[in-house]
């Protein structure tokens, strides 16, 4: 008697009946669902670990220049490692850079006159350090998007080509992590 594939599989199931008496479970849909959950969880994750990856350290380590290195460079300071940052706080702008022992200047307001003053200051820094093309703009959380766009426009008008937008300073993260 020739038996079909259906009858053979039915006979095998009957032989294994005592082993699988509690029922069968198909794991393929479960694995598909878990894979989707993991994929979309990783895709939408915006926790503290991810924000640490996008933060920038604005403090520079001390640099020791020996007399031989100063003579070799011709007495000119190295401007390729200048870090220029514009911090947008509530109602004021703060410009900092690491050249010449450090520079900090605050500009009150985020209106037209203060934006003009920011553009003039950035142009002066660009004239002093012509090799530097990078600026980091760090807005506070409460700053309006429109104000950030106006600051970015002034940075672009001052002929800086490498404009980065940061989320917050690393010192703030370290202070908040230390308080836990």
N, C-alpha and C. Protein backbone atom coordinates (compact mmCIF):
# COMPACT_ATOMS: atom_id res chain seq x y z
N UNK A 1 0.84 -1.16 0.00
CA UNK A 1 0.00 0.00 0.00
C UNK A 1 0.89 1.24 0.00
N UNK A 2 0.66 2.10 -0.96
CA UNK A 2 1.45 3.33 -1.09
C UNK A 2 0.82 4.39 -0.20
N UNK A 3 1.65 4.93 0.63
CA UNK A 3 1.13 5.97 1.52
C UNK A 3 1.60 7.34 1.05
N UNK A 4 0.78 8.30 1.26
CA UNK A 4 1.11 9.65 0.83
C UNK A 4 1.93 10.35 1.91
N UNK A 5 2.44 11.53 1.55
CA UNK A 5 3.23 12.33 2.49
C UNK A 5 2.37 12.75 3.68
N UNK A 6 1.09 13.00 3.44
CA UNK A 6 0.19 13.39 4.51
C UNK A 6 0.07 12.27 5.54
N UNK A 7 -0.12 11.02 5.05
CA UNK A 7 -0.28 9.89 5.96
C UNK A 7 1.01 9.62 6.74
N UNK A 8 2.15 9.77 6.08
CA UNK A 8 3.43 9.56 6.78
C UNK A 8 3.62 10.60 7.89
N UNK A 9 3.33 11.88 7.61
CA UNK A 9 3.51 12.90 8.65
C UNK A 9 2.50 12.70 9.77
N UNK A 10 1.29 12.24 9.46
CA UNK A 10 0.28 11.97 10.48
C UNK A 10 0.73 10.81 11.37
N UNK A 11 1.34 9.80 10.77
CA UNK A 11 1.83 8.66 11.53
C UNK A 11 3.00 9.09 12.46
N UNK A 12 3.92 9.94 11.93
CA UNK A 12 5.03 10.42 12.76
C UNK A 12 4.53 11.25 13.94
N UNK A 13 3.53 12.08 13.72
CA UNK A 13 2.96 12.87 14.81
C UNK A 13 2.32 11.98 15.86
N UNK A 14 1.69 10.92 15.42
CA UNK A 14 1.06 9.98 16.37
C UNK A 14 2.13 9.26 17.19
N UNK A 15 3.27 8.95 16.56
CA UNK A 15 4.35 8.29 17.29
C UNK A 15 4.97 9.22 18.33
N UNK A 16 5.01 10.51 18.02
CA UNK A 16 5.58 11.49 18.96
C UNK A 16 4.52 12.11 19.86
N UNK A 17 3.35 11.61 19.85
CA UNK A 17 2.23 12.19 20.59
C UNK A 17 2.49 12.32 22.07
N UNK A 18 3.09 11.33 22.68
CA UNK A 18 3.32 11.38 24.12
C UNK A 18 4.39 12.43 24.47
N UNK A 19 5.31 12.74 23.53
CA UNK A 19 6.35 13.74 23.78
C UNK A 19 5.77 15.15 23.68
N UNK A 20 4.91 15.35 22.71
CA UNK A 20 4.36 16.70 22.46
C UNK A 20 2.90 16.80 22.89
N UNK A 21 2.54 16.11 23.95
CA UNK A 21 1.15 16.11 24.41
C UNK A 21 0.70 17.49 24.89
N UNK A 22 1.64 18.32 25.33
CA UNK A 22 1.29 19.64 25.84
C UNK A 22 1.04 20.65 24.72
N UNK A 23 1.29 20.32 23.51
CA UNK A 23 1.01 21.19 22.38
C UNK A 23 2.27 21.65 21.67
N UNK A 24 2.11 22.13 20.49
CA UNK A 24 3.23 22.63 19.69
C UNK A 24 3.22 24.15 19.72
N UNK A 25 4.38 24.72 19.67
CA UNK A 25 4.49 26.17 19.59
C UNK A 25 5.39 26.50 18.40
N UNK A 26 4.93 27.43 17.61
CA UNK A 26 5.69 27.85 16.45
C UNK A 26 6.54 29.06 16.85
N UNK A 27 7.85 28.92 16.87
CA UNK A 27 8.74 29.97 17.36
C UNK A 27 9.07 31.02 16.30
N UNK A 28 8.81 30.77 15.06
CA UNK A 28 9.19 31.71 13.99
C UNK A 28 8.47 33.06 14.14
N UNK A 29 7.17 33.11 14.36
CA UNK A 29 6.54 34.43 14.57
C UNK A 29 7.07 35.14 15.81
N UNK A 30 7.37 34.40 16.87
CA UNK A 30 7.90 35.00 18.09
C UNK A 30 9.26 35.64 17.82
N UNK A 31 10.13 34.95 17.10
CA UNK A 31 11.45 35.48 16.77
C UNK A 31 11.30 36.72 15.88
N UNK A 32 10.37 36.69 14.95
CA UNK A 32 10.14 37.85 14.08
C UNK A 32 9.71 39.07 14.89
N UNK A 33 8.82 38.88 15.83
CA UNK A 33 8.35 39.99 16.65
C UNK A 33 9.48 40.54 17.52
N UNK A 34 10.24 39.65 18.16
CA UNK A 34 11.34 40.10 19.00
C UNK A 34 12.42 40.83 18.20
N UNK A 35 12.70 40.36 17.00
CA UNK A 35 13.67 41.04 16.14
C UNK A 35 13.19 42.44 15.79
N UNK A 36 11.91 42.57 15.49
CA UNK A 36 11.36 43.89 15.17
C UNK A 36 11.43 44.82 16.38
N UNK A 37 11.13 44.30 17.56
CA UNK A 37 11.18 45.13 18.76
C UNK A 37 12.60 45.62 19.02
N UNK A 38 13.57 44.73 18.91
CA UNK A 38 14.97 45.12 19.14
C UNK A 38 15.41 46.15 18.09
N UNK A 39 15.08 45.93 16.83
CA UNK A 39 15.48 46.85 15.77
C UNK A 39 14.90 48.24 16.00
N UNK A 40 13.61 48.34 16.26
CA UNK A 40 13.00 49.65 16.43
C UNK A 40 13.39 50.29 17.76
N UNK A 41 13.69 49.50 18.76
CA UNK A 41 14.18 50.07 20.02
C UNK A 41 15.54 50.73 19.83
N UNK A 42 16.42 50.05 19.11
CA UNK A 42 17.73 50.64 18.84
C UNK A 42 17.63 51.85 17.93
N UNK A 43 16.70 51.82 17.01
CA UNK A 43 16.53 52.92 16.06
C UNK A 43 16.02 54.19 16.74
N UNK A 44 15.17 54.04 17.74
CA UNK A 44 14.56 55.21 18.38
C UNK A 44 15.17 55.55 19.73
N UNK A 45 16.24 54.91 20.12
CA UNK A 45 16.85 55.15 21.43
C UNK A 45 17.53 56.52 21.45
N UNK A 46 17.19 57.35 22.44
CA UNK A 46 17.80 58.67 22.60
C UNK A 46 18.19 58.90 24.05
N UNK A 47 18.71 57.91 24.70
CA UNK A 47 19.03 57.99 26.12
C UNK A 47 20.34 58.71 26.39
N UNK A 48 20.78 58.62 27.64
CA UNK A 48 21.97 59.32 28.09
C UNK A 48 23.23 58.82 27.39
N UNK A 49 23.29 57.53 27.10
CA UNK A 49 24.48 57.00 26.44
C UNK A 49 24.63 57.58 25.03
N UNK A 50 23.51 57.76 24.33
CA UNK A 50 23.58 58.32 22.98
C UNK A 50 23.93 59.81 23.02
N UNK A 51 23.43 60.55 24.01
CA UNK A 51 23.76 61.97 24.08
C UNK A 51 25.21 62.18 24.47
N UNK A 52 25.82 61.25 25.18
CA UNK A 52 27.25 61.35 25.49
C UNK A 52 28.08 61.22 24.24
N UNK A 53 27.59 60.48 23.25
CA UNK A 53 28.35 60.31 22.01
C UNK A 53 28.36 61.59 21.19
N UNK A 54 27.33 62.43 21.34
CA UNK A 54 27.24 63.64 20.53
C UNK A 54 27.68 64.89 21.27
N UNK A 55 28.19 64.76 22.46
CA UNK A 55 28.63 65.92 23.23
C UNK A 55 30.08 66.25 22.90
N UNK A 56 30.44 67.48 23.13
CA UNK A 56 31.79 67.94 22.82
C UNK A 56 32.43 68.50 24.08
N UNK A 57 33.70 68.21 24.24
CA UNK A 57 34.45 68.72 25.38
C UNK A 57 35.09 70.04 24.97
N UNK A 58 34.67 71.13 25.62
CA UNK A 58 35.18 72.45 25.25
C UNK A 58 36.44 72.82 26.00
N UNK A 59 36.82 72.04 26.99
CA UNK A 59 38.04 72.32 27.75
C UNK A 59 39.22 71.61 27.08
N UNK A 60 40.30 72.33 26.92
CA UNK A 60 41.49 71.76 26.29
C UNK A 60 42.48 71.32 27.34
N UNK A 61 43.20 70.24 27.07
CA UNK A 61 44.27 69.87 28.00
C UNK A 61 45.43 70.85 27.85
N UNK A 62 46.25 71.01 28.88
CA UNK A 62 47.38 71.93 28.78
C UNK A 62 48.40 71.45 27.75
N UNK A 63 48.96 72.38 27.01
CA UNK A 63 49.95 72.06 25.99
C UNK A 63 51.27 72.70 26.40
N UNK A 64 52.32 71.90 26.42
CA UNK A 64 53.65 72.39 26.78
C UNK A 64 54.44 72.57 25.49
N UNK A 65 54.93 73.78 25.27
CA UNK A 65 55.74 74.08 24.09
C UNK A 65 57.16 74.37 24.56
N UNK A 66 58.08 73.58 24.08
CA UNK A 66 59.48 73.80 24.46
C UNK A 66 60.09 74.89 23.58
N UNK A 67 61.24 75.37 23.98
CA UNK A 67 61.91 76.42 23.22
C UNK A 67 62.28 75.94 21.82
N UNK A 68 62.67 74.69 21.69
CA UNK A 68 63.01 74.15 20.37
C UNK A 68 61.80 74.11 19.45
N UNK A 69 60.63 73.74 20.00
CA UNK A 69 59.41 73.71 19.20
C UNK A 69 58.98 75.10 18.78
N UNK A 70 59.17 76.08 19.66
CA UNK A 70 58.81 77.45 19.34
C UNK A 70 59.70 78.00 18.23
N UNK A 71 61.01 77.67 18.27
CA UNK A 71 61.92 78.11 17.22
C UNK A 71 61.59 77.44 15.90
N UNK A 72 61.22 76.16 15.95
CA UNK A 72 60.90 75.41 14.73
C UNK A 72 59.65 75.95 14.06
N UNK A 73 58.70 76.42 14.85
CA UNK A 73 57.47 76.94 14.25
C UNK A 73 57.60 78.40 13.85
N UNK A 74 58.74 79.02 14.11
CA UNK A 74 58.95 80.41 13.73
C UNK A 74 58.27 81.38 14.66
N UNK A 75 57.90 80.95 15.86
CA UNK A 75 57.25 81.85 16.81
C UNK A 75 55.78 82.04 16.56
N UNK A 76 55.24 81.47 15.48
CA UNK A 76 53.82 81.60 15.18
C UNK A 76 53.02 80.56 15.95
N UNK A 77 51.94 80.94 16.58
CA UNK A 77 51.11 79.95 17.28
C UNK A 77 50.41 79.04 16.28
N UNK A 78 50.15 77.83 16.70
CA UNK A 78 49.45 76.87 15.86
C UNK A 78 47.96 77.17 15.90
N UNK A 79 47.40 77.59 14.79
CA UNK A 79 45.99 77.96 14.75
C UNK A 79 45.12 76.83 14.22
N UNK A 80 45.71 75.71 13.87
CA UNK A 80 44.90 74.62 13.34
C UNK A 80 44.11 73.91 14.42
N UNK A 81 44.49 74.07 15.70
CA UNK A 81 43.79 73.40 16.78
C UNK A 81 42.90 74.34 17.57
N UNK A 82 42.54 75.47 17.00
CA UNK A 82 41.68 76.44 17.68
C UNK A 82 40.27 75.87 17.81
N UNK A 83 39.72 75.94 19.01
CA UNK A 83 38.34 75.53 19.23
C UNK A 83 37.53 76.79 19.48
N UNK A 84 36.60 77.06 18.58
CA UNK A 84 35.74 78.24 18.67
C UNK A 84 34.32 77.77 18.94
N UNK A 85 33.72 78.28 20.00
CA UNK A 85 32.37 77.86 20.38
C UNK A 85 31.49 79.08 20.62
N UNK A 86 30.24 78.98 20.18
CA UNK A 86 29.23 80.00 20.44
C UNK A 86 28.12 79.32 21.22
N UNK A 87 27.94 79.74 22.47
CA UNK A 87 26.91 79.16 23.32
C UNK A 87 25.72 80.11 23.36
N UNK A 88 24.55 79.57 23.08
CA UNK A 88 23.32 80.36 23.09
C UNK A 88 22.59 80.04 24.39
N UNK A 89 22.56 81.01 25.29
CA UNK A 89 21.88 80.83 26.57
C UNK A 89 20.63 81.68 26.59
N UNK A 90 19.90 81.61 27.68
CA UNK A 90 18.67 82.37 27.77
C UNK A 90 18.95 83.87 27.77
N UNK A 91 18.72 84.51 26.63
CA UNK A 91 18.87 85.95 26.52
C UNK A 91 20.26 86.46 26.27
N UNK A 92 21.23 85.60 26.03
CA UNK A 92 22.59 86.09 25.75
C UNK A 92 23.36 85.07 24.92
N UNK A 93 24.43 85.57 24.31
CA UNK A 93 25.34 84.75 23.52
C UNK A 93 26.70 84.77 24.20
N UNK A 94 27.40 83.66 24.16
CA UNK A 94 28.73 83.59 24.76
C UNK A 94 29.68 82.99 23.73
N UNK A 95 30.73 83.73 23.40
CA UNK A 95 31.72 83.30 22.42
C UNK A 95 33.00 82.95 23.17
N UNK A 96 33.52 81.76 22.92
CA UNK A 96 34.75 81.31 23.55
C UNK A 96 35.65 80.69 22.49
N UNK A 97 36.96 80.91 22.65
CA UNK A 97 37.91 80.17 21.83
C UNK A 97 39.16 79.89 22.64
N UNK A 98 39.94 78.93 22.17
CA UNK A 98 41.08 78.44 22.93
C UNK A 98 42.40 79.11 22.54
N UNK A 99 42.39 79.98 21.56
CA UNK A 99 43.63 80.60 21.10
C UNK A 99 44.09 81.73 22.00
N UNK A 100 45.39 81.92 22.09
CA UNK A 100 45.97 83.03 22.84
C UNK A 100 45.67 82.97 24.32
N UNK A 101 45.66 81.81 24.90
CA UNK A 101 45.39 81.68 26.32
C UNK A 101 43.92 81.66 26.66
N UNK A 102 43.06 81.64 25.68
CA UNK A 102 41.62 81.58 25.92
C UNK A 102 40.96 82.93 25.73
N UNK A 103 39.71 82.90 25.33
CA UNK A 103 38.95 84.11 25.08
C UNK A 103 37.50 83.82 25.43
N UNK A 104 36.87 84.73 26.16
CA UNK A 104 35.46 84.62 26.51
C UNK A 104 34.83 86.00 26.41
N UNK A 105 33.71 86.06 25.71
CA UNK A 105 32.98 87.32 25.65
C UNK A 105 31.49 87.01 25.60
N UNK A 106 30.73 87.74 26.41
CA UNK A 106 29.29 87.57 26.42
C UNK A 106 28.63 88.75 25.72
N UNK A 107 27.60 88.45 24.96
CA UNK A 107 26.82 89.46 24.26
C UNK A 107 25.40 89.35 24.78
N UNK A 108 24.87 90.43 25.33
CA UNK A 108 23.52 90.41 25.88
C UNK A 108 22.49 90.47 24.76
N UNK A 109 21.48 89.63 24.86
CA UNK A 109 20.39 89.61 23.90
C UNK A 109 20.65 88.69 22.72
N UNK A 110 19.56 88.35 22.06
CA UNK A 110 19.64 87.54 20.84
C UNK A 110 18.83 88.24 19.75
N UNK A 111 18.92 89.56 19.74
CA UNK A 111 18.15 90.36 18.76
C UNK A 111 19.06 90.77 17.60
N UNK A 112 18.59 91.67 16.78
CA UNK A 112 19.34 92.12 15.61
C UNK A 112 20.67 92.76 15.93
N UNK A 113 20.69 93.66 16.93
CA UNK A 113 21.94 94.35 17.28
C UNK A 113 22.96 93.38 17.86
N UNK A 114 22.51 92.48 18.72
CA UNK A 114 23.45 91.52 19.31
C UNK A 114 23.93 90.51 18.27
N UNK A 115 23.08 90.17 17.31
CA UNK A 115 23.52 89.28 16.22
C UNK A 115 24.54 89.97 15.33
N UNK A 116 24.36 91.30 15.10
CA UNK A 116 25.36 92.05 14.35
C UNK A 116 26.69 92.08 15.10
N UNK A 117 26.63 92.26 16.42
CA UNK A 117 27.84 92.25 17.23
C UNK A 117 28.51 90.87 17.18
N UNK A 118 27.71 89.81 17.19
CA UNK A 118 28.26 88.45 17.07
C UNK A 118 28.95 88.27 15.73
N UNK A 119 28.33 88.74 14.65
CA UNK A 119 28.95 88.62 13.33
C UNK A 119 30.27 89.37 13.25
N UNK A 120 30.31 90.58 13.84
CA UNK A 120 31.55 91.37 13.84
C UNK A 120 32.64 90.67 14.65
N UNK A 121 32.28 90.12 15.80
CA UNK A 121 33.24 89.43 16.65
C UNK A 121 33.79 88.17 15.95
N UNK A 122 32.91 87.42 15.30
CA UNK A 122 33.36 86.22 14.59
C UNK A 122 34.25 86.58 13.41
N UNK A 123 33.94 87.69 12.74
CA UNK A 123 34.80 88.14 11.63
C UNK A 123 36.18 88.54 12.14
N UNK A 124 36.24 89.20 13.31
CA UNK A 124 37.54 89.57 13.89
C UNK A 124 38.35 88.32 14.26
N UNK A 125 37.69 87.33 14.82
CA UNK A 125 38.39 86.09 15.17
C UNK A 125 38.87 85.39 13.90
N UNK A 126 38.06 85.44 12.84
CA UNK A 126 38.46 84.83 11.56
C UNK A 126 39.68 85.53 10.98
N UNK A 127 39.77 86.86 11.13
CA UNK A 127 40.95 87.59 10.65
C UNK A 127 42.17 87.25 11.47
N UNK A 128 41.98 87.05 12.78
CA UNK A 128 43.10 86.72 13.66
C UNK A 128 43.57 85.29 13.44
N UNK A 129 42.65 84.37 13.16
CA UNK A 129 42.97 82.96 12.94
C UNK A 129 42.38 82.53 11.59
N UNK A 130 43.03 82.89 10.48
CA UNK A 130 42.45 82.61 9.16
C UNK A 130 42.42 81.12 8.80
N UNK A 131 43.25 80.30 9.44
CA UNK A 131 43.27 78.87 9.13
C UNK A 131 42.10 78.12 9.75
N UNK A 132 41.49 78.70 10.76
CA UNK A 132 40.39 78.02 11.44
C UNK A 132 39.09 78.23 10.68
N UNK A 133 38.42 77.13 10.36
CA UNK A 133 37.13 77.20 9.67
C UNK A 133 36.01 76.55 10.47
N UNK A 134 36.32 76.13 11.70
CA UNK A 134 35.35 75.35 12.48
C UNK A 134 34.77 76.17 13.62
N UNK A 135 33.46 76.05 13.79
CA UNK A 135 32.75 76.69 14.89
C UNK A 135 31.76 75.68 15.45
N UNK A 136 31.68 75.62 16.77
CA UNK A 136 30.71 74.77 17.45
C UNK A 136 29.65 75.67 18.07
N UNK A 137 28.39 75.47 17.70
CA UNK A 137 27.28 76.23 18.25
C UNK A 137 26.56 75.32 19.24
N UNK A 138 26.47 75.78 20.51
CA UNK A 138 25.88 74.97 21.58
C UNK A 138 24.69 75.72 22.17
N UNK A 139 23.46 75.40 21.76
CA UNK A 139 22.30 76.06 22.34
C UNK A 139 21.83 75.36 23.62
N UNK A 140 21.25 76.14 24.54
CA UNK A 140 20.60 75.56 25.71
C UNK A 140 19.29 74.91 25.27
N UNK A 141 18.72 74.13 26.16
CA UNK A 141 17.48 73.42 25.82
C UNK A 141 16.30 74.36 25.62
N UNK A 142 16.27 75.50 26.32
CA UNK A 142 15.12 76.40 26.27
C UNK A 142 15.20 77.43 25.14
N UNK A 143 16.24 77.39 24.31
CA UNK A 143 16.41 78.38 23.25
C UNK A 143 15.49 78.03 22.07
N UNK A 144 14.85 79.06 21.52
CA UNK A 144 13.95 78.86 20.39
C UNK A 144 14.74 78.49 19.13
N UNK A 145 14.14 77.66 18.32
CA UNK A 145 14.77 77.21 17.08
C UNK A 145 15.10 78.37 16.16
N UNK A 146 14.24 79.38 16.12
CA UNK A 146 14.46 80.56 15.28
C UNK A 146 15.74 81.29 15.67
N UNK A 147 16.01 81.39 16.97
CA UNK A 147 17.24 82.04 17.44
C UNK A 147 18.48 81.24 17.02
N UNK A 148 18.38 79.93 17.08
CA UNK A 148 19.51 79.08 16.66
C UNK A 148 19.80 79.28 15.18
N UNK A 149 18.76 79.38 14.39
CA UNK A 149 18.93 79.58 12.94
C UNK A 149 19.59 80.92 12.67
N UNK A 150 19.19 81.97 13.40
CA UNK A 150 19.80 83.29 13.20
C UNK A 150 21.29 83.28 13.56
N UNK A 151 21.64 82.58 14.63
CA UNK A 151 23.06 82.48 15.02
C UNK A 151 23.83 81.70 13.96
N UNK A 152 23.26 80.61 13.47
CA UNK A 152 23.94 79.82 12.42
C UNK A 152 24.14 80.64 11.14
N UNK A 153 23.18 81.50 10.82
CA UNK A 153 23.33 82.38 9.65
C UNK A 153 24.49 83.35 9.84
N UNK A 154 24.62 83.93 11.04
CA UNK A 154 25.72 84.87 11.29
C UNK A 154 27.07 84.16 11.26
N UNK A 155 27.12 82.93 11.74
CA UNK A 155 28.37 82.17 11.68
C UNK A 155 28.74 81.90 10.22
N UNK A 156 27.77 81.57 9.42
CA UNK A 156 28.02 81.32 7.99
C UNK A 156 28.45 82.60 7.27
N UNK A 157 27.87 83.74 7.65
CA UNK A 157 28.24 85.01 7.04
C UNK A 157 29.66 85.43 7.39
N UNK A 158 30.17 84.93 8.51
CA UNK A 158 31.55 85.25 8.92
C UNK A 158 32.57 84.33 8.25
N UNK A 159 32.13 83.56 7.24
CA UNK A 159 32.98 82.70 6.40
C UNK A 159 33.56 81.50 7.13
N UNK A 160 32.81 80.94 8.05
CA UNK A 160 33.19 79.67 8.67
C UNK A 160 32.48 78.56 7.92
N UNK A 161 33.24 77.59 7.46
CA UNK A 161 32.65 76.52 6.64
C UNK A 161 32.35 75.25 7.45
N UNK A 162 33.04 75.04 8.54
CA UNK A 162 32.81 73.85 9.36
C UNK A 162 31.98 74.19 10.57
N UNK A 163 30.67 74.24 10.41
CA UNK A 163 29.77 74.62 11.50
C UNK A 163 29.17 73.34 12.09
N UNK A 164 29.33 73.17 13.41
CA UNK A 164 28.78 72.01 14.11
C UNK A 164 27.76 72.48 15.12
N UNK A 165 26.72 71.70 15.28
CA UNK A 165 25.68 72.01 16.26
C UNK A 165 25.76 70.98 17.37
N UNK A 166 26.11 71.43 18.58
CA UNK A 166 26.24 70.53 19.72
C UNK A 166 24.98 70.57 20.57
N UNK A 167 24.85 69.56 21.44
CA UNK A 167 23.66 69.51 22.27
C UNK A 167 23.90 70.19 23.62
N UNK A 168 25.05 69.96 24.25
CA UNK A 168 25.41 70.63 25.49
C UNK A 168 26.86 70.33 25.80
N UNK A 169 27.41 71.04 26.78
CA UNK A 169 28.81 70.86 27.12
C UNK A 169 29.01 69.59 27.93
N UNK A 170 30.19 68.97 27.76
CA UNK A 170 30.51 67.76 28.51
C UNK A 170 30.62 68.07 30.01
N UNK A 171 31.05 69.26 30.38
CA UNK A 171 31.18 69.61 31.80
C UNK A 171 29.82 69.53 32.49
N UNK A 172 28.76 69.87 31.80
CA UNK A 172 27.42 69.78 32.35
C UNK A 172 27.05 68.32 32.58
N UNK A 173 27.42 67.45 31.65
CA UNK A 173 27.12 66.03 31.78
C UNK A 173 27.90 65.42 32.92
N UNK A 174 29.16 65.79 33.07
CA UNK A 174 29.97 65.25 34.13
C UNK A 174 29.43 65.69 35.49
N UNK A 175 29.01 66.94 35.58
CA UNK A 175 28.47 67.45 36.84
C UNK A 175 27.15 66.75 37.18
N UNK A 176 26.31 66.50 36.18
CA UNK A 176 25.05 65.83 36.45
C UNK A 176 25.27 64.36 36.77
N UNK A 177 26.27 63.72 36.17
CA UNK A 177 26.55 62.32 36.47
C UNK A 177 27.18 62.18 37.85
N UNK A 178 27.94 63.18 38.27
CA UNK A 178 28.57 63.14 39.59
C UNK A 178 27.55 63.32 40.71
N UNK A 179 26.44 63.96 40.42
CA UNK A 179 25.43 64.19 41.44
C UNK A 179 24.53 63.00 41.68
N UNK A 180 24.64 61.95 40.88
CA UNK A 180 23.79 60.77 41.03
C UNK A 180 24.16 59.97 42.23
